[in-house]
């Protein structure tokens, strides 16, 4: 993988997060330095309480570091205001959570299309077509009109992955994406990530 700065999607320097609990300081992150290059697939592993969720929240633009620098696709994130940060989350980051977080009364297609409705850049002129492409990437184009209660757990998580992909983000973050699935479905869903990575998705 090239070390050229232009290929960097994530770059952190001295990333630190301290929570104040009464008179106690809890150091969740202590000077984290790491890079993720475009096209890489990276797993963050560690014991419970080691700071994985805190790091994911900061990388995902859901929280600010106490100190340090964080650059996402060439943008200095740690100094952005809340509105600009919300735009970055929408345009640059695709999230896949443990819970599917699908809207029960809307179809797979409409759930996938949802992030495009909040895109204030207006760059996606045909959101329905983009949503169909994303569903096709995860093998669910033929389930576009189905509602969540008509889909299996694995299919619902695939819709959630399609929703994460629909904005063509710089990076997709998956936080324990198979935590609510049985072992067989877990294998099927986890096999999807290397397939997507092979297509150039970071």
Foldseek 3Di string as FASTA:
>chain_A
DDPPPLQWQKWWFQFWAWDDDPPDIDTLDGGDTDTDGFLDDDDDDDDPSNNPVVVVCCLLLNDATPDIWMAGSRRTRNPDDPVVSVLCNLQAEFEAEQDLPADQVAFLLCSLLVSVVVNPVCPDVDSSVLLLVLCVLLPRNVRRRPGPVVDDPLSSSSSSSSSSPSSVHSAYDYDNNCNPDDPVSVVVNVVSVVVVSVVRHD
